């Protein structure tokens, strides 16, 4: 039911509006912040930073573990919110919450050693490198993993001693607000982690503000260009995790059954709305028929339905415009000669539903292969041999991850050097893991999240030398 307050907010074209993707019904509407409100948060963060930067890493880690405890305690509630606001199946929502808990605790356990000063060989009596925090990091986050994306970017920055100001996607505003709530409940001081419901225009203005020291963005290539240009003009550090159209490469000696099942999971996870989904499936000709038969069966067996039902595999797309874009990419690919192997139609029900769809007879110029598809749509390209598979994998301006399937691990080590991607997973689907650096090359972005590389991204890598004899 739309309240009078909601109706008033909805008249503001800049409002943050959440709708249930499964029904299209309004969940919440919030006024966007104005600049004075943003400035107040920037001031609060700057004040908090003067204290937070001086706390020990061990103290920061203890507080971060408290956040993990808060998330664990509210597990079912948070998962239900993810499903309601973004549309992901409840089993995947629970998995996202659990991943936040595990990863937060792992990072808290290991950050002290990652941030320990490192002794250096030098002509001085002593020399070391210290990892100092930069200040307040503006985190511009997407809607597809509303909790995990922030935890992936924000927890390492916090452990390094930075404050974080969150600007989340407009369609997951309830998730955005609950993130700040979780940190306050874990005894974080106000301003160390803050959520501000601001639009793109004010976010760009915030980047230029001296109270923002760095920016991390997960989003589209276009958003990355805009943020990178603004930050670069003001000489500020950025981490950009942008689009992905990951190849899923199946060679002639692969375990075809395992590869087909994995390809289904890789492409259809999160309703197909993942930057690291296996979006471009490339199969050598000698095993193509066998793979297609098993892949088609796996996709056809997926259960599409109510995302609150634990038996559901595929829920709705998060927004109407995403479904419209997917329809365009499919239809244009079919016009160019692609053939529907399974699926192929939007579903006639309230909300924004689309059948899990596989296209075959795909070529590199078709939208299903040349563009990033963000939903349960994939294309399969058949190539003559291994060399052609690698060439097809690299024939795109994105380079986030790649999944390579082969029984020859020695050959896989060599091929990984030929694949243009920030991450190569052999006989496994591409995944984010707190223990491993995450990020891409080309237009998929720059910088790394997670592991020691992510923990140190937003630090001043400071050289310190000491000598008793003046030089």
Protein backbone atom coordinates (compact mmCIF):
# COMPACT_ATOMS: atom_id res chain seq x y z
CA UNK A 1 0.00 0.00 0.00
CA UNK A 2 1.34 3.44 -0.95
CA UNK A 3 1.11 5.87 1.95
CA UNK A 4 0.59 9.61 1.62
CA UNK A 5 4.25 10.08 2.53
CA UNK A 6 5.33 7.61 -0.14
CA UNK A 7 3.15 9.38 -2.70
CA UNK A 8 4.76 12.71 -1.84
CA UNK A 9 8.24 11.26 -2.14
CA UNK A 10 7.41 9.63 -5.47
CA UNK A 11 6.65 13.04 -6.98
CA UNK A 12 10.38 13.77 -6.56
CA UNK A 13 12.09 12.51 -9.72
CA UNK A 14 15.32 12.11 -7.74
CA UNK A 15 13.78 9.89 -5.04
CA UNK A 16 15.21 6.52 -4.08
CA UNK A 17 12.43 4.05 -4.93
CA UNK A 18 12.43 0.32 -4.15
CA UNK A 19 9.99 -2.06 -5.81
CA UNK A 20 9.61 -5.77 -5.32
CA UNK A 21 10.94 -7.28 -8.57
CA UNK A 22 8.66 -10.30 -8.23
CA UNK A 23 5.50 -8.17 -8.21
CA UNK A 24 6.46 -4.65 -9.25
CA UNK A 25 4.86 -3.29 -6.06
CA UNK A 26 6.33 -0.40 -4.12
CA UNK A 27 8.41 -1.38 -1.09
CA UNK A 28 9.81 1.97 0.03
CA UNK A 29 10.48 5.48 -1.18
CA UNK A 30 13.03 7.85 0.33
CA UNK A 31 13.90 11.44 -0.37
CA UNK A 32 17.43 11.90 -1.65
CA UNK A 33 19.87 13.87 0.43
CA UNK A 34 20.63 17.47 -0.44
CA UNK A 35 24.17 18.86 -0.38
CA UNK A 36 23.98 20.26 3.19
CA UNK A 37 23.05 16.76 4.41
CA UNK A 38 25.97 15.27 2.49
CA UNK A 39 28.30 17.89 3.93
CA UNK A 40 27.16 17.03 7.42
CA UNK A 41 28.08 13.39 6.82
CA UNK A 42 31.42 14.37 5.33
CA UNK A 43 32.19 16.46 8.41
CA UNK A 44 31.15 13.61 10.68
CA UNK A 45 33.39 11.19 8.78
CA UNK A 46 36.35 13.59 8.91
CA UNK A 47 35.95 13.93 12.68
CA UNK A 48 35.61 10.17 13.13
CA UNK A 49 38.72 9.56 11.05
CA UNK A 50 40.94 11.53 13.44
CA UNK A 51 40.15 8.91 16.10
CA UNK A 52 39.67 5.80 13.95
CA UNK A 53 43.07 6.10 12.24
CA UNK A 54 44.80 6.03 15.62
CA UNK A 55 43.11 2.87 16.85
CA UNK A 56 45.11 -0.32 16.61
CA UNK A 57 44.42 -2.79 13.85
CA UNK A 58 43.53 -5.30 16.54
CA UNK A 59 40.87 -2.97 17.94
CA UNK A 60 39.44 -2.34 14.49
CA UNK A 61 39.37 -6.09 13.89
CA UNK A 62 37.49 -6.68 17.14
CA UNK A 63 34.82 -4.17 16.13
CA UNK A 64 34.59 -5.68 12.66
CA UNK A 65 33.99 -9.10 14.21
CA UNK A 66 31.13 -7.49 16.10
CA UNK A 67 29.58 -6.54 12.76
CA UNK A 68 29.85 -10.16 11.67
CA UNK A 69 28.02 -11.14 14.86
CA UNK A 70 25.27 -8.64 14.09
CA UNK A 71 24.87 -10.02 10.58
CA UNK A 72 24.80 -13.61 11.88
CA UNK A 73 22.17 -12.75 14.48
CA UNK A 74 19.94 -11.09 11.87
CA UNK A 75 20.63 -13.68 9.17
CA UNK A 76 17.06 -14.56 8.21
CA UNK A 77 15.84 -10.98 8.39
CA UNK A 78 18.66 -9.71 6.17
CA UNK A 79 18.22 -12.50 3.65
CA UNK A 80 14.49 -11.77 3.42
CA UNK A 81 15.31 -8.11 2.76
CA UNK A 82 17.70 -9.04 -0.07
CA UNK A 83 15.04 -11.22 -1.66
CA UNK A 84 12.33 -8.61 -1.29
CA UNK A 85 14.32 -5.68 -2.62
CA UNK A 86 16.55 -7.31 -5.23
CA UNK A 87 14.66 -10.50 -6.12
CA UNK A 88 17.36 -13.11 -5.54
CA UNK A 89 16.19 -16.59 -4.50
CA UNK A 90 16.11 -16.93 -0.72
CA UNK A 91 18.69 -19.72 -0.70
CA UNK A 92 21.15 -17.43 -2.49
CA UNK A 93 20.23 -14.55 -0.19
CA UNK A 94 21.06 -16.67 2.84
CA UNK A 95 24.34 -17.65 1.18
CA UNK A 96 25.17 -13.98 0.61
CA UNK A 97 24.59 -13.17 4.27
CA UNK A 98 26.71 -16.14 5.36
CA UNK A 99 29.49 -15.07 3.01
CA UNK A 100 29.56 -11.64 4.60
CA UNK A 101 29.95 -13.23 8.04
CA UNK A 102 32.72 -15.65 7.08
CA UNK A 103 34.67 -13.15 4.98
CA UNK A 104 34.45 -10.41 7.60
CA UNK A 105 35.83 -12.72 10.26
CA UNK A 106 38.61 -13.99 7.99
CA UNK A 107 39.68 -10.47 7.07
CA UNK A 108 39.57 -9.40 10.71
CA UNK A 109 41.73 -12.37 11.70
CA UNK A 110 44.34 -11.70 9.02
CA UNK A 111 44.42 -7.91 8.63
CA UNK A 112 46.87 -7.34 11.51
CA UNK A 113 49.57 -9.38 9.77
CA UNK A 114 48.72 -7.89 6.36
CA UNK A 115 49.13 -4.35 7.70
CA UNK A 116 52.22 -5.00 9.80
CA UNK A 117 55.17 -2.72 8.90
CA UNK A 118 57.61 -4.46 6.60
CA UNK A 119 61.38 -4.09 7.15
CA UNK A 120 63.38 -3.03 4.09
CA UNK A 121 67.01 -3.41 3.13
CA UNK A 122 68.62 0.03 2.89
CA UNK A 123 71.79 2.01 3.69
CA UNK A 124 70.08 3.46 6.80
CA UNK A 125 70.15 2.14 10.37
CA UNK A 126 66.57 1.06 9.94
CA UNK A 127 63.98 1.26 7.18
CA UNK A 128 60.47 -0.02 6.89
CA UNK A 129 57.27 0.36 4.93
CA UNK A 130 54.12 1.23 6.87
CA UNK A 131 50.55 1.05 5.63
CA UNK A 132 48.75 4.23 6.69
CA UNK A 133 45.06 4.99 6.07
CA UNK A 134 44.10 7.64 3.53
CA UNK A 135 40.93 9.14 5.04
CA UNK A 136 37.31 8.72 4.02
CA UNK A 137 36.59 6.36 1.13
CA UNK A 138 33.41 6.96 -0.88
CA UNK A 139 31.94 3.54 -1.72
CA UNK A 140 29.57 3.63 -4.71
CA UNK A 141 27.90 0.23 -4.68
CA UNK A 142 25.52 -1.70 -7.00
CA UNK A 143 22.26 -3.49 -6.34
CA UNK A 144 23.01 -7.08 -7.37
CA UNK A 145 24.72 -8.15 -4.14
CA UNK A 146 23.48 -5.44 -1.80
CA UNK A 147 25.33 -6.64 1.32
CA UNK A 148 28.31 -8.53 -0.08
CA UNK A 149 29.44 -5.80 -2.47
CA UNK A 150 29.75 -3.35 0.39
CA UNK A 151 31.40 -5.84 2.74
CA UNK A 152 33.84 -6.86 -0.01
CA UNK A 153 34.94 -3.27 -0.57
CA UNK A 154 34.27 -1.68 2.81
CA UNK A 155 35.66 -4.13 5.37
CA UNK A 156 39.24 -4.06 4.00
CA UNK A 157 39.17 -0.25 3.86
CA UNK A 158 37.92 -0.06 7.45
CA UNK A 159 40.52 -2.49 8.75
CA UNK A 160 43.20 -0.32 7.16
CA UNK A 161 41.93 2.62 9.24
CA UNK A 162 39.77 4.46 6.74
CA UNK A 163 36.22 5.66 7.21
CA UNK A 164 33.65 4.70 4.58
CA UNK A 165 30.75 6.72 3.20
CA UNK A 166 28.28 4.49 1.34
CA UNK A 167 26.30 5.65 -1.70
CA UNK A 168 24.21 2.63 -2.68
CA UNK A 169 22.00 1.94 -5.69
CA UNK A 170 18.59 3.67 -5.54
CA UNK A 171 16.58 0.44 -5.85
CA UNK A 172 18.09 -1.12 -2.69
CA UNK A 173 17.75 1.78 -0.29
CA UNK A 174 16.48 -0.37 2.59
CA UNK A 175 19.59 -2.53 2.30
CA UNK A 176 21.72 0.62 2.22
CA UNK A 177 20.22 1.94 5.42
CA UNK A 178 20.48 -1.37 7.27
CA UNK A 179 24.23 -1.51 6.55
CA UNK A 180 24.89 1.62 8.60
CA UNK A 181 22.56 0.27 11.26
CA UNK A 182 24.62 -2.94 11.55
CA UNK A 183 27.84 -1.02 12.16
CA UNK A 184 26.30 1.29 14.75
CA UNK A 185 24.86 -1.74 16.55
CA UNK A 186 28.39 -3.18 16.66
CA UNK A 187 29.63 -0.07 18.54
CA UNK A 188 31.25 1.70 15.61
CA UNK A 189 31.42 5.44 16.29
CA UNK A 190 29.09 7.57 14.17
CA UNK A 191 30.82 8.63 10.97
CA UNK A 192 33.13 5.66 10.61
CA UNK A 193 30.53 4.00 8.37
CA UNK A 194 27.67 6.11 7.03
CA UNK A 195 24.99 5.66 4.42
CA UNK A 196 23.87 8.64 2.38
CA UNK A 197 20.99 8.40 -0.10
CA UNK A 198 22.41 10.78 -2.66
CA UNK A 199 22.01 10.89 -6.41
CA UNK A 200 24.74 10.66 -9.02
CA UNK A 201 25.13 14.42 -9.29
CA UNK A 202 25.88 14.81 -5.59
CA UNK A 203 28.12 11.74 -5.62
CA UNK A 204 30.23 13.38 -8.29
CA UNK A 205 30.38 16.55 -6.21
CA UNK A 206 31.40 14.52 -3.17
CA UNK A 207 34.32 13.01 -5.10
CA UNK A 208 35.68 16.52 -5.66
CA UNK A 209 35.37 17.41 -1.98
CA UNK A 210 38.67 17.39 -0.03
CA UNK A 211 37.02 15.38 2.74
CA UNK A 212 36.85 12.39 0.39
CA UNK A 213 40.29 10.82 -0.04
CA UNK A 214 39.50 7.90 -2.36
CA UNK A 215 36.67 6.19 -4.22
CA UNK A 216 35.69 2.57 -4.75
CA UNK A 217 33.05 1.79 -7.34
CA UNK A 218 31.38 -1.40 -8.46
CA UNK A 219 29.20 -0.69 -11.46
CA UNK A 220 29.02 -0.26 -15.21
CA UNK A 221 31.86 0.69 -17.51
CA UNK A 222 30.17 4.04 -18.12
CA UNK A 223 29.94 4.75 -14.40
CA UNK A 224 33.58 3.76 -14.02
CA UNK A 225 34.67 6.17 -16.71
CA UNK A 226 32.77 9.02 -15.09
CA UNK A 227 34.03 8.31 -11.58
CA UNK A 228 37.58 7.69 -12.78
CA UNK A 229 37.62 10.96 -14.72
CA UNK A 230 36.38 12.99 -11.77
CA UNK A 231 38.70 11.31 -9.28
CA UNK A 232 41.63 11.58 -11.66
CA UNK A 233 41.04 15.29 -12.15
CA UNK A 234 41.41 15.65 -8.38
CA UNK A 235 44.26 13.12 -8.11
CA UNK A 236 42.40 10.67 -5.88
CA UNK A 237 42.91 6.93 -5.63
CA UNK A 238 40.18 4.77 -7.17
CA UNK A 239 39.34 1.10 -7.33
CA UNK A 240 36.96 0.27 -10.17
CA UNK A 241 35.20 -3.09 -10.44
CA UNK A 242 33.25 -2.72 -13.65
CA UNK A 243 31.55 -4.88 -16.23
CA UNK A 244 32.31 -8.49 -16.96
CA UNK A 245 31.52 -10.80 -19.84
CA UNK A 246 33.51 -13.77 -18.63
CA UNK A 247 34.38 -16.58 -21.02
CA UNK A 248 33.60 -20.14 -19.96
CA UNK A 249 35.98 -22.24 -22.05
CA UNK A 250 35.44 -25.98 -22.53
CA UNK A 251 38.35 -27.83 -24.13
CA UNK A 252 38.25 -31.27 -25.74
CA UNK A 253 39.60 -33.12 -22.68
CA UNK A 254 37.24 -31.51 -20.15
CA UNK A 255 34.85 -33.43 -17.92
CA UNK A 256 31.81 -32.53 -20.01
CA UNK A 257 29.15 -33.40 -17.43
CA UNK A 258 30.89 -31.37 -14.75
CA UNK A 259 31.50 -28.49 -17.16
CA UNK A 260 27.85 -28.38 -18.26
CA UNK A 261 26.54 -28.33 -14.70
CA UNK A 262 29.09 -25.68 -13.72
CA UNK A 263 28.23 -23.55 -16.75
CA UNK A 264 24.60 -23.57 -15.69
CA UNK A 265 25.51 -22.43 -12.17
CA UNK A 266 28.03 -19.88 -13.41
CA UNK A 267 25.59 -18.24 -15.80
CA UNK A 268 22.37 -18.43 -13.82
CA UNK A 269 23.60 -17.53 -10.34
CA UNK A 270 21.85 -14.51 -8.83
CA UNK A 271 19.19 -14.66 -11.58
CA UNK A 272 22.00 -14.21 -14.10
CA UNK A 273 22.86 -10.81 -12.63
CA UNK A 274 26.50 -11.19 -11.66
CA UNK A 275 29.58 -9.48 -13.04
CA UNK A 276 31.53 -12.76 -12.83
CA UNK A 277 28.88 -14.95 -14.44
CA UNK A 278 30.07 -17.23 -17.25
CA UNK A 279 28.36 -15.19 -19.94
CA UNK A 280 30.22 -16.28 -23.09
CA UNK A 281 30.43 -20.06 -23.37
CA UNK A 282 33.11 -21.22 -25.78
CA UNK A 283 33.31 -24.93 -26.64
CA UNK A 284 35.68 -26.76 -28.96
CA UNK A 285 33.90 -28.49 -31.82
CA UNK A 286 34.83 -32.07 -30.94
CA UNK A 287 32.78 -31.98 -27.72
CA UNK A 288 30.20 -29.32 -28.62
CA UNK A 289 27.24 -31.62 -29.26
CA UNK A 290 27.79 -33.51 -26.02
CA UNK A 291 28.18 -30.32 -24.02
CA UNK A 292 25.13 -28.61 -25.55
CA UNK A 293 22.89 -31.57 -24.80
CA UNK A 294 23.85 -31.60 -21.13
CA UNK A 295 23.92 -27.81 -20.77
CA UNK A 296 20.45 -27.49 -22.30
CA UNK A 297 19.11 -30.12 -19.90
CA UNK A 298 20.65 -28.37 -16.88
CA UNK A 299 19.18 -24.98 -17.84
CA UNK A 300 15.77 -26.46 -18.70
CA UNK A 301 15.61 -28.11 -15.27
CA UNK A 302 15.95 -24.81 -13.42
CA UNK A 303 12.89 -23.91 -11.39
CA UNK A 304 11.66 -20.37 -12.00
CA UNK A 305 9.29 -19.00 -9.39
CA UNK A 306 8.65 -17.24 -6.10
CA UNK A 307 12.07 -16.14 -4.81
CA UNK A 308 10.93 -16.63 -1.21
CA UNK A 309 10.48 -20.36 -1.89
CA UNK A 310 13.65 -22.34 -1.01
CA UNK A 311 12.99 -24.63 -3.98
CA UNK A 312 13.30 -21.74 -6.48
CA UNK A 313 16.42 -21.53 -8.64
CA UNK A 314 15.63 -18.41 -10.68
CA UNK A 315 13.72 -15.33 -9.57
CA UNK A 316 12.89 -12.10 -11.39
CA UNK A 317 15.23 -9.53 -12.83
CA UNK A 318 15.78 -6.62 -10.50
CA UNK A 319 14.26 -3.92 -12.74
CA UNK A 320 12.08 -3.57 -15.82
CA UNK A 321 14.82 -1.84 -17.85
CA UNK A 322 17.14 -4.80 -17.27
CA UNK A 323 14.57 -7.17 -18.74
CA UNK A 324 13.99 -4.85 -21.69
CA UNK A 325 17.72 -4.75 -22.38
CA UNK A 326 17.95 -8.54 -22.28
CA UNK A 327 15.05 -8.88 -24.73
CA UNK A 328 16.81 -6.51 -27.14
CA UNK A 329 20.10 -8.40 -26.92
CA UNK A 330 18.38 -11.72 -27.54
CA UNK A 331 16.25 -10.52 -30.44
CA UNK A 332 19.11 -8.76 -32.22
CA UNK A 333 21.25 -11.87 -31.86
CA UNK A 334 18.48 -14.03 -33.34
CA UNK A 335 18.10 -11.59 -36.24
CA UNK A 336 21.82 -12.12 -36.93
CA UNK A 337 21.42 -15.90 -37.02
CA UNK A 338 21.48 -17.18 -33.45
CA UNK A 339 19.12 -20.03 -32.57
CA UNK A 340 17.20 -20.54 -29.32
CA UNK A 341 18.19 -23.79 -27.65
CA UNK A 342 16.03 -23.30 -24.56
CA UNK A 343 13.89 -20.48 -23.15
CA UNK A 344 13.73 -17.32 -25.19
CA UNK A 345 10.76 -15.41 -23.81
CA UNK A 346 9.87 -12.97 -21.06
CA UNK A 347 7.29 -14.42 -18.70
CA UNK A 348 3.77 -13.02 -18.56
CA UNK A 349 3.32 -12.31 -14.86
CA UNK A 350 3.59 -9.30 -12.54
CA UNK A 351 7.16 -8.17 -11.98
CA UNK A 352 10.14 -8.57 -14.30
CA UNK A 353 10.58 -12.20 -15.28
CA UNK A 354 12.60 -13.81 -18.05
CA UNK A 355 13.05 -17.45 -18.93
CA UNK A 356 16.55 -18.90 -18.55
CA UNK A 357 17.71 -18.79 -22.16
CA UNK A 358 20.51 -20.33 -24.20
CA UNK A 359 21.34 -19.29 -27.76
CA UNK A 360 23.48 -21.37 -30.12
CA UNK A 361 25.05 -20.72 -33.53
CA UNK A 362 26.49 -17.59 -31.94
CA UNK A 363 29.16 -15.40 -33.52
CA UNK A 364 31.40 -12.78 -31.94
CA UNK A 365 29.49 -9.80 -33.37
CA UNK A 366 26.12 -10.73 -31.88
CA UNK A 367 25.00 -8.70 -28.82
CA UNK A 368 24.80 -11.89 -26.73
CA UNK A 369 28.58 -12.16 -27.18
CA UNK A 370 29.84 -8.65 -27.92
CA UNK A 371 27.94 -6.96 -25.07
CA UNK A 372 27.62 -7.74 -21.39
CA UNK A 373 24.32 -9.53 -20.77
CA UNK A 374 22.95 -9.06 -17.26
CA UNK A 375 20.30 -11.70 -16.74
CA UNK A 376 19.62 -15.40 -17.46
CA UNK A 377 20.69 -15.25 -21.11
CA UNK A 378 23.81 -16.81 -22.60
CA UNK A 379 25.25 -17.69 -25.96
CA UNK A 380 27.35 -20.70 -26.93
CA UNK A 381 30.08 -20.34 -29.53
CA UNK A 382 31.61 -23.44 -31.11
CA UNK A 383 35.27 -23.10 -32.15
CA UNK A 384 37.59 -25.52 -33.97
CA UNK A 385 40.36 -25.82 -31.39
CA UNK A 386 42.09 -24.56 -28.27
CA UNK A 387 43.83 -21.64 -29.98
CA UNK A 388 40.53 -20.40 -31.40
CA UNK A 389 38.93 -20.74 -27.96
CA UNK A 390 41.54 -18.49 -26.34
CA UNK A 391 41.29 -15.99 -29.20
CA UNK A 392 37.50 -15.84 -28.82
CA UNK A 393 37.82 -15.44 -25.05
CA UNK A 394 40.09 -12.42 -25.51
CA UNK A 395 38.03 -10.85 -28.31
CA UNK A 396 36.24 -8.35 -26.08
CA UNK A 397 37.17 -5.15 -24.28
CA UNK A 398 36.36 -6.62 -20.86
CA UNK A 399 38.65 -8.77 -18.74
CA UNK A 400 37.26 -9.63 -15.33
CA UNK A 401 37.36 -13.42 -14.92
CA UNK A 402 37.58 -16.59 -17.00
CA UNK A 403 36.69 -20.22 -16.36
CA UNK A 404 38.78 -22.85 -18.18
CA UNK A 405 37.84 -26.54 -18.29
CA UNK A 406 40.49 -29.14 -19.11
CA UNK A 407 42.02 -32.27 -17.61
CA UNK A 408 45.57 -31.10 -18.39
CA UNK A 409 46.54 -28.82 -15.49
CA UNK A 410 50.05 -28.23 -16.84
CA UNK A 411 48.53 -27.00 -20.08
CA UNK A 412 46.06 -24.90 -18.09
CA UNK A 413 48.94 -23.13 -16.32
CA UNK A 414 50.34 -22.12 -19.69
CA UNK A 415 46.98 -21.10 -21.13
CA UNK A 416 46.18 -18.93 -18.11
CA UNK A 417 49.02 -16.64 -19.21
CA UNK A 418 47.32 -16.22 -22.60
CA UNK A 419 43.88 -15.35 -21.22
CA UNK A 420 43.28 -11.63 -20.75
CA UNK A 421 41.51 -11.57 -17.41
CA UNK A 422 42.19 -10.55 -13.84
CA UNK A 423 41.21 -14.01 -12.62
CA UNK A 424 41.39 -17.46 -14.21
CA UNK A 425 39.67 -20.40 -12.53
CA UNK A 426 40.51 -23.85 -13.89
CA UNK A 427 37.79 -26.51 -13.55
CA UNK A 428 35.83 -24.17 -11.30
CA UNK A 429 33.49 -21.24 -11.75
CA UNK A 430 34.81 -17.74 -11.09
CA UNK A 431 34.04 -16.67 -7.53
CA UNK A 432 34.98 -14.00 -5.02
CA UNK A 433 36.83 -15.28 -1.96
CA UNK A 434 38.24 -13.19 0.87
CA UNK A 435 41.54 -15.08 0.61
CA UNK A 436 42.08 -14.23 -3.07
CA UNK A 437 42.48 -10.86 -4.84
CA UNK A 438 39.44 -9.87 -6.89
CA UNK A 439 39.46 -7.55 -9.89
CA UNK A 440 39.89 -7.21 -13.63
CA UNK A 441 41.80 -5.62 -16.48
CA UNK A 442 40.88 -3.75 -19.65
CA UNK A 443 37.47 -2.08 -19.24
CA UNK A 444 36.58 -4.36 -16.36
CA UNK A 445 38.39 -1.99 -14.05
CA UNK A 446 41.53 -1.46 -12.03
CA UNK A 447 42.73 -2.15 -8.52
CA UNK A 448 41.98 -5.18 -6.39
CA UNK A 449 39.62 -6.09 -3.58
CA UNK A 450 40.00 -8.74 -0.86
CA UNK A 451 43.15 -10.57 0.36
CA UNK A 452 46.21 -8.57 1.37
CA UNK A 453 46.03 -6.67 -1.92
CA UNK A 454 42.56 -5.33 -1.14
CA UNK A 455 43.39 -4.54 2.49
CA UNK A 456 46.32 -2.40 1.31
CA UNK A 457 44.58 -0.71 -1.66
CA UNK A 458 43.44 2.32 0.31
CA UNK A 459 46.63 2.92 2.23
CA UNK A 460 49.57 5.26 1.99
CA UNK A 461 52.45 2.84 1.47
CA UNK A 462 54.81 4.99 3.47
CA UNK A 463 58.60 4.56 3.45
CA UNK A 464 60.27 5.39 6.77
CA UNK A 465 64.05 5.48 7.29
CA UNK A 466 65.90 6.06 10.55
CA UNK A 467 69.55 6.81 11.09
CA UNK A 468 71.58 7.98 14.05
CA UNK A 469 74.12 9.71 11.83
CA UNK A 470 72.72 12.68 9.87
CA UNK A 471 73.04 12.32 6.09
